[in-house]
Amino acid sequence: MFFFDPLYLLFAMPALLLGLWAQIKVKGAFNRYSQVRSARGLTGEEIARRVLDFNGLHEVKIEQVGGLLSDHYDPRHKTLRLSPDVYQSPTIAAAGVAAHEAGHAIQDKQRYAALKFRTSLVPGVQIGSWLGPIIFMVGLFMSSSLGESIAWLGLILFGLMALFAVITLPVEFDATRRAKQSLVTQGILGPEEMVGVNKTLDAAALTYVAAAIQAVMTLLYYATLLIRRND
């Protein structure tokens, strides 16, 4: 099976290793600064509310959801969802994560182009992420010219996921920038406390970099298989 193809390992291993390292760093930073209480003692929910209200986003709701680091902003329902470790916690790590997610709501209000583009890709990505590889492999193993066309269709569908992963980078980097700026300008955290926020959010950014590299390298691997098929 192609999963055990040495060529696949050559394409995938760097991204997998980077992803593993990124996960270790983000969990380590979050766990460390989840033990450090902020001077003002505001919970993640309170900080998110302050950042949202400061930016005129009074209509955005904040909800608690289950899971670890399951925090996200839902642009469809104008709702910011925070995990228990962020929603209820008055720590440095919670402050950084809550402000970051509020940054996405600010992007939505300002119609940030990269966020709009990423959101428009969601329907195609939901289909392409699981159906693309299947269609590609079916077409790859067909000997006819129809098989090649099917393989290219699968490659294009999977390519939407790679494009989504790449466009996620500026979206996440910008949200982090907005988060740091909000925490400082609103006086929510002091300079020394921002050190922990920087380490937490910068480590989280690595996970998105790793995901983008992995998606692009997998796409290149599929393209290589298709080119080799025609040799």
C-alpha atoms as a PDB file:
ATOM      1  CA  MET A   1       0.000   0.000   0.000  1.00  0.00           C
ATOM      2  CA  PHE A   2       1.167   3.545  -0.705  1.00  0.00           C
ATOM      3  CA  PHE A   3       1.186   4.382   3.011  1.00  0.00           C
ATOM      4  CA  PHE A   4       4.361   2.316   3.354  1.00  0.00           C
ATOM      5  CA  ASP A   5       6.014   3.760   0.284  1.00  0.00           C
ATOM      6  CA  PRO A   6       9.500   5.006   1.277  1.00  0.00           C
ATOM      7  CA  LEU A   7       8.871   8.009  -0.972  1.00  0.00           C
ATOM      8  CA  TYR A   8       5.849   8.895   1.156  1.00  0.00           C
ATOM      9  CA  LEU A   9       7.990   8.826   4.286  1.00  0.00           C
ATOM     10  CA  LEU A  10      10.483  11.119   2.577  1.00  0.00           C
ATOM     11  CA  PHE A  11       7.741  13.639   1.869  1.00  0.00           C
ATOM     12  CA  ALA A  12       5.844  13.261   5.135  1.00  0.00           C
ATOM     13  CA  MET A  13       8.486  12.719   7.817  1.00  0.00           C
ATOM     14  CA  PRO A  14       9.784  16.326   8.119  1.00  0.00           C
ATOM     15  CA  ALA A  15       6.267  17.687   8.621  1.00  0.00           C
ATOM     16  CA  LEU A  16       5.342  14.896  11.031  1.00  0.00           C
ATOM     17  CA  LEU A  17       8.423  15.571  13.147  1.00  0.00           C
ATOM     18  CA  LEU A  18       7.770  19.313  13.124  1.00  0.00           C
ATOM     19  CA  GLY A  19       4.154  18.691  14.085  1.00  0.00           C
ATOM     20  CA  LEU A  20       5.174  16.457  16.990  1.00  0.00           C
ATOM     21  CA  TRP A  21       7.688  19.035  18.207  1.00  0.00           C
ATOM     22  CA  ALA A  22       5.087  21.805  17.881  1.00  0.00           C
ATOM     23  CA  GLN A  23       2.539  19.822  19.887  1.00  0.00           C
ATOM     24  CA  ILE A  24       5.074  19.221  22.636  1.00  0.00           C
ATOM     25  CA  LYS A  25       5.954  22.919  22.748  1.00  0.00           C
ATOM     26  CA  VAL A  26       2.382  24.189  22.799  1.00  0.00           C
ATOM     27  CA  LYS A  27       1.289  21.722  25.482  1.00  0.00           C
ATOM     28  CA  GLY A  28       4.388  22.494  27.516  1.00  0.00           C
ATOM     29  CA  ALA A  29       3.865  26.258  27.285  1.00  0.00           C
ATOM     30  CA  PHE A  30       0.139  26.014  27.988  1.00  0.00           C
ATOM     31  CA  ASN A  31       0.639  23.699  30.960  1.00  0.00           C
ATOM     32  CA  ARG A  32       3.378  25.920  32.380  1.00  0.00           C
ATOM     33  CA  TYR A  33       1.488  29.193  32.112  1.00  0.00           C
ATOM     34  CA  SER A  34      -1.794  27.586  33.143  1.00  0.00           C
ATOM     35  CA  GLN A  35      -0.201  27.486  36.585  1.00  0.00           C
ATOM     36  CA  VAL A  36       0.614  31.223  36.586  1.00  0.00           C
ATOM     37  CA  ARG A  37      -2.238  33.445  37.744  1.00  0.00           C
ATOM     38  CA  SER A  38      -2.479  36.882  36.137  1.00  0.00           C
ATOM     39  CA  ALA A  39      -2.110  39.925  38.368  1.00  0.00           C
ATOM     40  CA  ARG A  40      -5.650  41.140  37.674  1.00  0.00           C
ATOM     41  CA  GLY A  41      -7.140  37.677  38.118  1.00  0.00           C
ATOM     42  CA  LEU A  42      -9.481  37.895  35.126  1.00  0.00           C
ATOM     43  CA  THR A  43     -10.752  34.625  33.683  1.00  0.00           C
ATOM     44  CA  GLY A  44     -10.480  33.803  29.995  1.00  0.00           C
ATOM     45  CA  GLU A  45     -14.196  34.518  29.591  1.00  0.00           C
ATOM     46  CA  GLU A  46     -13.841  37.937  31.242  1.00  0.00           C
ATOM     47  CA  ILE A  47     -10.840  38.838  29.096  1.00  0.00           C
ATOM     48  CA  ALA A  48     -12.544  37.749  25.887  1.00  0.00           C
ATOM     49  CA  ARG A  49     -15.592  39.820  26.834  1.00  0.00           C
ATOM     50  CA  ARG A  50     -13.456  42.894  27.476  1.00  0.00           C
ATOM     51  CA  VAL A  51     -11.610  42.557  24.180  1.00  0.00           C
ATOM     52  CA  LEU A  52     -14.848  42.011  22.264  1.00  0.00           C
ATOM     53  CA  ASP A  53     -16.677  44.905  23.914  1.00  0.00           C
ATOM     54  CA  PHE A  54     -13.691  47.215  23.432  1.00  0.00           C
ATOM     55  CA  ASN A  55     -13.964  46.523  19.709  1.00  0.00           C
ATOM     56  CA  GLY A  56     -17.718  47.016  19.558  1.00  0.00           C
ATOM     57  CA  LEU A  57     -18.537  43.317  19.357  1.00  0.00           C
ATOM     58  CA  HIS A  58     -21.198  43.281  22.063  1.00  0.00           C
ATOM     59  CA  GLU A  59     -23.356  40.892  20.037  1.00  0.00           C
ATOM     60  CA  VAL A  60     -20.737  38.116  19.985  1.00  0.00           C
ATOM     61  CA  LYS A  61     -21.623  35.420  22.500  1.00  0.00           C
ATOM     62  CA  ILE A  62     -19.105  33.497  24.597  1.00  0.00           C
ATOM     63  CA  GLU A  63     -19.798  29.868  25.433  1.00  0.00           C
ATOM     64  CA  GLN A  64     -17.958  27.144  27.297  1.00  0.00           C
ATOM     65  CA  VAL A  65     -17.347  23.913  25.386  1.00  0.00           C
ATOM     66  CA  GLY A  66     -15.797  20.637  26.406  1.00  0.00           C
ATOM     67  CA  GLY A  67     -12.347  19.407  25.448  1.00  0.00           C
ATOM     68  CA  LEU A  68      -8.741  20.472  25.857  1.00  0.00           C
ATOM     69  CA  LEU A  69      -7.666  23.476  23.746  1.00  0.00           C
ATOM     70  CA  SER A  70     -10.915  23.195  21.782  1.00  0.00           C
ATOM     71  CA  ASP A  71     -11.206  26.990  21.715  1.00  0.00           C
ATOM     72  CA  HIS A  72     -12.477  28.571  18.493  1.00  0.00           C
ATOM     73  CA  TYR A  73     -14.564  31.359  17.019  1.00  0.00           C
ATOM     74  CA  ASP A  74     -17.626  30.436  14.965  1.00  0.00           C
ATOM     75  CA  PRO A  75     -18.216  33.200  12.371  1.00  0.00           C
ATOM     76  CA  ARG A  76     -21.541  31.712  11.267  1.00  0.00           C
ATOM     77  CA  HIS A  77     -23.159  32.035  14.697  1.00  0.00           C
ATOM     78  CA  LYS A  78     -21.011  34.935  15.945  1.00  0.00           C
ATOM     79  CA  THR A  79     -20.009  32.848  18.936  1.00  0.00           C
ATOM     80  CA  LEU A  80     -16.675  32.483  20.688  1.00  0.00           C
ATOM     81  CA  ARG A  81     -16.305  29.064  22.310  1.00  0.00           C
ATOM     82  CA  LEU A  82     -13.747  28.469  25.046  1.00  0.00           C
ATOM     83  CA  SER A  83     -12.603  25.253  26.698  1.00  0.00           C
ATOM     84  CA  PRO A  84     -13.006  24.947  30.500  1.00  0.00           C
ATOM     85  CA  ASP A  85      -9.274  25.478  31.088  1.00  0.00           C
ATOM     86  CA  VAL A  86      -9.565  28.847  29.352  1.00  0.00           C
ATOM     87  CA  TYR A  87     -13.122  29.958  30.126  1.00  0.00           C
ATOM     88  CA  GLN A  88     -12.849  29.548  33.898  1.00  0.00           C
ATOM     89  CA  SER A  89      -9.149  30.133  34.429  1.00  0.00           C
ATOM     90  CA  PRO A  90      -7.516  33.426  35.548  1.00  0.00           C
ATOM     91  CA  THR A  91      -4.102  32.457  34.195  1.00  0.00           C
ATOM     92  CA  ILE A  92      -1.601  33.825  31.697  1.00  0.00           C
ATOM     93  CA  ALA A  93      -2.198  30.953  29.262  1.00  0.00           C
ATOM     94  CA  ALA A  94      -5.970  31.407  29.406  1.00  0.00           C
ATOM     95  CA  ALA A  95      -5.588  35.133  28.765  1.00  0.00           C
ATOM     96  CA  GLY A  96      -3.530  34.517  25.632  1.00  0.00           C
ATOM     97  CA  VAL A  97      -5.864  31.905  24.172  1.00  0.00           C
ATOM     98  CA  ALA A  98      -9.022  33.891  24.954  1.00  0.00           C
ATOM     99  CA  ALA A  99      -7.605  37.071  23.401  1.00  0.00           C
ATOM    100  CA  HIS A 100      -6.461  35.108  20.344  1.00  0.00           C
ATOM    101  CA  GLU A 101      -9.957  33.773  19.704  1.00  0.00           C
ATOM    102  CA  ALA A 102     -11.398  37.245  20.238  1.00  0.00           C
ATOM    103  CA  GLY A 103      -8.923  38.347  17.567  1.00  0.00           C
ATOM    104  CA  HIS A 104     -10.751  36.123  15.082  1.00  0.00           C
ATOM    105  CA  ALA A 105     -14.034  37.857  15.941  1.00  0.00           C
ATOM    106  CA  ILE A 106     -12.371  41.215  15.260  1.00  0.00           C
ATOM    107  CA  GLN A 107     -11.162  39.858  11.908  1.00  0.00           C
ATOM    108  CA  ASP A 108     -14.724  38.833  11.104  1.00  0.00           C
ATOM    109  CA  LYS A 109     -16.077  42.279  11.941  1.00  0.00           C
ATOM    110  CA  GLN A 110     -13.436  43.989   9.813  1.00  0.00           C
ATOM    111  CA  ARG A 111     -14.014  41.497   6.975  1.00  0.00           C
ATOM    112  CA  TYR A 112     -10.395  40.420   7.021  1.00  0.00           C
ATOM    113  CA  ALA A 113      -9.770  39.078   3.508  1.00  0.00           C
ATOM    114  CA  ALA A 114      -7.819  35.958   4.476  1.00  0.00           C
ATOM    115  CA  LEU A 115     -10.513  34.900   6.967  1.00  0.00           C
ATOM    116  CA  LYS A 116     -13.271  35.429   4.394  1.00  0.00           C
ATOM    117  CA  PHE A 117     -11.352  33.375   1.846  1.00  0.00           C
ATOM    118  CA  ARG A 118     -10.683  30.578   4.340  1.00  0.00           C
ATOM    119  CA  THR A 119     -14.344  30.476   5.342  1.00  0.00           C
ATOM    120  CA  SER A 120     -15.373  30.215   1.683  1.00  0.00           C
ATOM    121  CA  LEU A 121     -13.163  27.136   1.330  1.00  0.00           C
ATOM    122  CA  VAL A 122     -14.799  25.211   4.189  1.00  0.00           C
ATOM    123  CA  PRO A 123     -17.484  23.377   2.130  1.00  0.00           C
ATOM    124  CA  GLY A 124     -14.931  22.232  -0.453  1.00  0.00           C
ATOM    125  CA  VAL A 125     -12.439  21.233   2.226  1.00  0.00           C
ATOM    126  CA  GLN A 126     -15.026  19.144   4.076  1.00  0.00           C
ATOM    127  CA  ILE A 127     -15.513  17.119   0.901  1.00  0.00           C
ATOM    128  CA  GLY A 128     -11.984  17.151  -0.441  1.00  0.00           C
ATOM    129  CA  SER A 129     -10.216  16.170   2.783  1.00  0.00           C
ATOM    130  CA  TRP A 130     -11.720  12.661   2.807  1.00  0.00           C
ATOM    131  CA  LEU A 131     -13.090  12.155  -0.712  1.00  0.00           C
ATOM    132  CA  GLY A 132     -10.088  13.602  -2.570  1.00  0.00           C
ATOM    133  CA  PRO A 133      -7.574  10.879  -1.592  1.00  0.00           C
ATOM    134  CA  ILE A 134     -10.127   8.141  -2.330  1.00  0.00           C
ATOM    135  CA  ILE A 135     -10.897   9.492  -5.796  1.00  0.00           C
ATOM    136  CA  PHE A 136      -7.191   9.991  -6.440  1.00  0.00           C
ATOM    137  CA  MET A 137      -6.238   6.412  -5.551  1.00  0.00           C
ATOM    138  CA  VAL A 138      -9.120   4.960  -7.582  1.00  0.00           C
ATOM    139  CA  GLY A 139      -8.022   6.925 -10.626  1.00  0.00           C
ATOM    140  CA  LEU A 140      -4.336   6.165 -10.045  1.00  0.00           C
ATOM    141  CA  PHE A 141      -4.889   2.426 -10.286  1.00  0.00           C
ATOM    142  CA  MET A 142      -7.021   2.640 -13.405  1.00  0.00           C
ATOM    143  CA  SER A 143      -4.973   2.136 -16.560  1.00  0.00           C
ATOM    144  CA  SER A 144      -7.176   4.163 -18.897  1.00  0.00           C
ATOM    145  CA  SER A 145      -7.038   7.867 -19.694  1.00  0.00           C
ATOM    146  CA  LEU A 146     -10.265   8.149 -17.720  1.00  0.00           C
ATOM    147  CA  GLY A 147      -8.332   6.955 -14.679  1.00  0.00           C
ATOM    148  CA  GLU A 148      -5.836   9.795 -15.102  1.00  0.00           C
ATOM    149  CA  SER A 149      -8.667  12.328 -15.266  1.00  0.00           C
ATOM    150  CA  ILE A 150     -10.211  10.855 -12.129  1.00  0.00           C
ATOM    151  CA  ALA A 151      -6.848  11.008 -10.357  1.00  0.00           C
ATOM    152  CA  TRP A 152      -6.441  14.675 -11.282  1.00  0.00           C
ATOM    153  CA  LEU A 153      -9.924  15.388  -9.927  1.00  0.00           C
ATOM    154  CA  GLY A 154      -8.968  13.763  -6.631  1.00  0.00           C
ATOM    155  CA  LEU A 155      -5.729  15.731  -6.565  1.00  0.00           C
ATOM    156  CA  ILE A 156      -7.593  19.007  -7.071  1.00  0.00           C
ATOM    157  CA  LEU A 157     -10.086  18.167  -4.324  1.00  0.00           C
ATOM    158  CA  PHE A 158      -7.282  17.351  -1.906  1.00  0.00           C
ATOM    159  CA  GLY A 159      -5.516  20.509  -3.024  1.00  0.00           C
ATOM    160  CA  LEU A 160      -8.341  22.514  -1.461  1.00  0.00           C
ATOM    161  CA  MET A 161      -7.295  21.168   1.924  1.00  0.00           C
ATOM    162  CA  ALA A 162      -3.679  22.154   1.300  1.00  0.00           C
ATOM    163  CA  LEU A 163      -4.807  25.626   0.236  1.00  0.00           C
ATOM    164  CA  PHE A 164      -6.945  25.872   3.377  1.00  0.00           C
ATOM    165  CA  ALA A 165      -3.965  24.949   5.560  1.00  0.00           C
ATOM    166  CA  VAL A 166      -1.772  27.557   3.871  1.00  0.00           C
ATOM    167  CA  ILE A 167      -4.323  30.384   4.066  1.00  0.00           C
ATOM    168  CA  THR A 168      -4.832  29.519   7.737  1.00  0.00           C
ATOM    169  CA  LEU A 169      -1.318  30.795   8.483  1.00  0.00           C
ATOM    170  CA  PRO A 170      -1.939  34.530   7.919  1.00  0.00           C
ATOM    171  CA  VAL A 171      -5.328  34.203   9.642  1.00  0.00           C
ATOM    172  CA  GLU A 172      -3.785  32.725  12.789  1.00  0.00           C
ATOM    173  CA  PHE A 173      -0.721  34.977  12.797  1.00  0.00           C
ATOM    174  CA  ASP A 174      -2.926  38.046  12.490  1.00  0.00           C
ATOM    175  CA  ALA A 175      -5.230  36.888  15.300  1.00  0.00           C
ATOM    176  CA  THR A 176      -2.188  36.398  17.520  1.00  0.00           C
ATOM    177  CA  ARG A 177      -0.956  39.896  16.686  1.00  0.00           C
ATOM    178  CA  ARG A 178      -4.350  41.352  17.537  1.00  0.00           C
ATOM    179  CA  ALA A 179      -4.454  39.368  20.783  1.00  0.00           C
ATOM    180  CA  LYS A 180      -1.102  40.635  21.989  1.00  0.00           C
ATOM    181  CA  GLN A 181      -1.972  44.192  21.028  1.00  0.00           C
ATOM    182  CA  SER A 182      -5.324  44.042  22.839  1.00  0.00           C
ATOM    183  CA  LEU A 183      -3.853  42.636  26.045  1.00  0.00           C
ATOM    184  CA  VAL A 184      -1.270  45.426  26.176  1.00  0.00           C
ATOM    185  CA  THR A 185      -3.304  48.437  24.999  1.00  0.00           C
ATOM    186  CA  GLN A 186      -6.235  47.574  27.261  1.00  0.00           C
ATOM    187  CA  GLY A 187      -3.931  47.102  30.224  1.00  0.00           C
ATOM    188  CA  ILE A 188      -5.137  43.552  30.841  1.00  0.00           C
ATOM    189  CA  LEU A 189      -1.622  42.135  31.288  1.00  0.00           C
ATOM    190  CA  GLY A 190       1.690  43.692  32.195  1.00  0.00           C
ATOM    191  CA  PRO A 191       4.974  43.398  30.246  1.00  0.00           C
ATOM    192  CA  GLU A 192       6.287  40.511  32.355  1.00  0.00           C
ATOM    193  CA  GLU A 193       3.032  38.603  31.950  1.00  0.00           C
ATOM    194  CA  MET A 194       3.184  39.058  28.183  1.00  0.00           C
ATOM    195  CA  VAL A 195       6.309  36.860  28.127  1.00  0.00           C
ATOM    196  CA  GLY A 196       4.103  33.873  28.947  1.00  0.00           C
ATOM    197  CA  VAL A 197       1.497  34.891  26.381  1.00  0.00           C
ATOM    198  CA  ASN A 198       4.171  35.192  23.704  1.00  0.00           C
ATOM    199  CA  LYS A 199       5.547  31.732  24.448  1.00  0.00           C
ATOM    200  CA  THR A 200       2.081  30.148  24.490  1.00  0.00           C
ATOM    201  CA  LEU A 201       0.770  31.738  21.298  1.00  0.00           C
ATOM    202  CA  ASP A 202       4.051  31.452  19.385  1.00  0.00           C
ATOM    203  CA  ALA A 203       4.178  27.734  20.191  1.00  0.00           C
ATOM    204  CA  ALA A 204       0.585  27.358  18.993  1.00  0.00           C
ATOM    205  CA  ALA A 205       1.528  29.050  15.726  1.00  0.00           C
ATOM    206  CA  LEU A 206       4.031  26.279  15.056  1.00  0.00           C
ATOM    207  CA  THR A 207       1.214  23.727  14.940  1.00  0.00           C
ATOM    208  CA  TYR A 208      -0.391  25.611  12.049  1.00  0.00           C
ATOM    209  CA  VAL A 209       2.937  25.824  10.238  1.00  0.00           C
ATOM    210  CA  ALA A 210       3.414  22.079  10.642  1.00  0.00           C
ATOM    211  CA  ALA A 211      -0.123  21.361   9.407  1.00  0.00           C
ATOM    212  CA  ALA A 212       0.408  23.526   6.320  1.00  0.00           C
ATOM    213  CA  ILE A 213       3.724  21.868   5.501  1.00  0.00           C
ATOM    214  CA  GLN A 214       2.217  18.410   5.945  1.00  0.00           C
ATOM    215  CA  ALA A 215      -0.737  19.208   3.661  1.00  0.00           C
ATOM    216  CA  VAL A 216       1.499  20.677   0.949  1.00  0.00           C
ATOM    217  CA  MET A 217       3.993  17.801   1.122  1.00  0.00           C
ATOM    218  CA  THR A 218       1.189  15.241   0.889  1.00  0.00           C
ATOM    219  CA  LEU A 219      -0.171  17.066  -2.151  1.00  0.00           C
ATOM    220  CA  LEU A 220       3.287  16.989  -3.737  1.00  0.00           C
ATOM    221  CA  TYR A 221       3.555  13.273  -2.992  1.00  0.00           C
ATOM    222  CA  TYR A 222       0.244  12.578  -4.747  1.00  0.00           C
ATOM    223  CA  ALA A 223       1.358  14.691  -7.706  1.00  0.00           C
ATOM    224  CA  THR A 224       4.634  12.738  -7.869  1.00  0.00           C
ATOM    225  CA  LEU A 225       2.726   9.443  -7.935  1.00  0.00           C
ATOM    226  CA  LEU A 226       0.587  10.702 -10.801  1.00  0.00           C
ATOM    227  CA  ILE A 227       3.627  11.891 -12.774  1.00  0.00           C
ATOM    228  CA  ARG A 228       5.418   8.579 -12.210  1.00  0.00           C
ATOM    229  CA  ARG A 229       2.310   6.744 -13.416  1.00  0.00           C
ATOM    230  CA  ASN A 230       2.678   8.374 -16.824  1.00  0.00           C
ATOM    231  CA  ASP A 231       6.415   7.712 -17.173  1.00  0.00           C
END
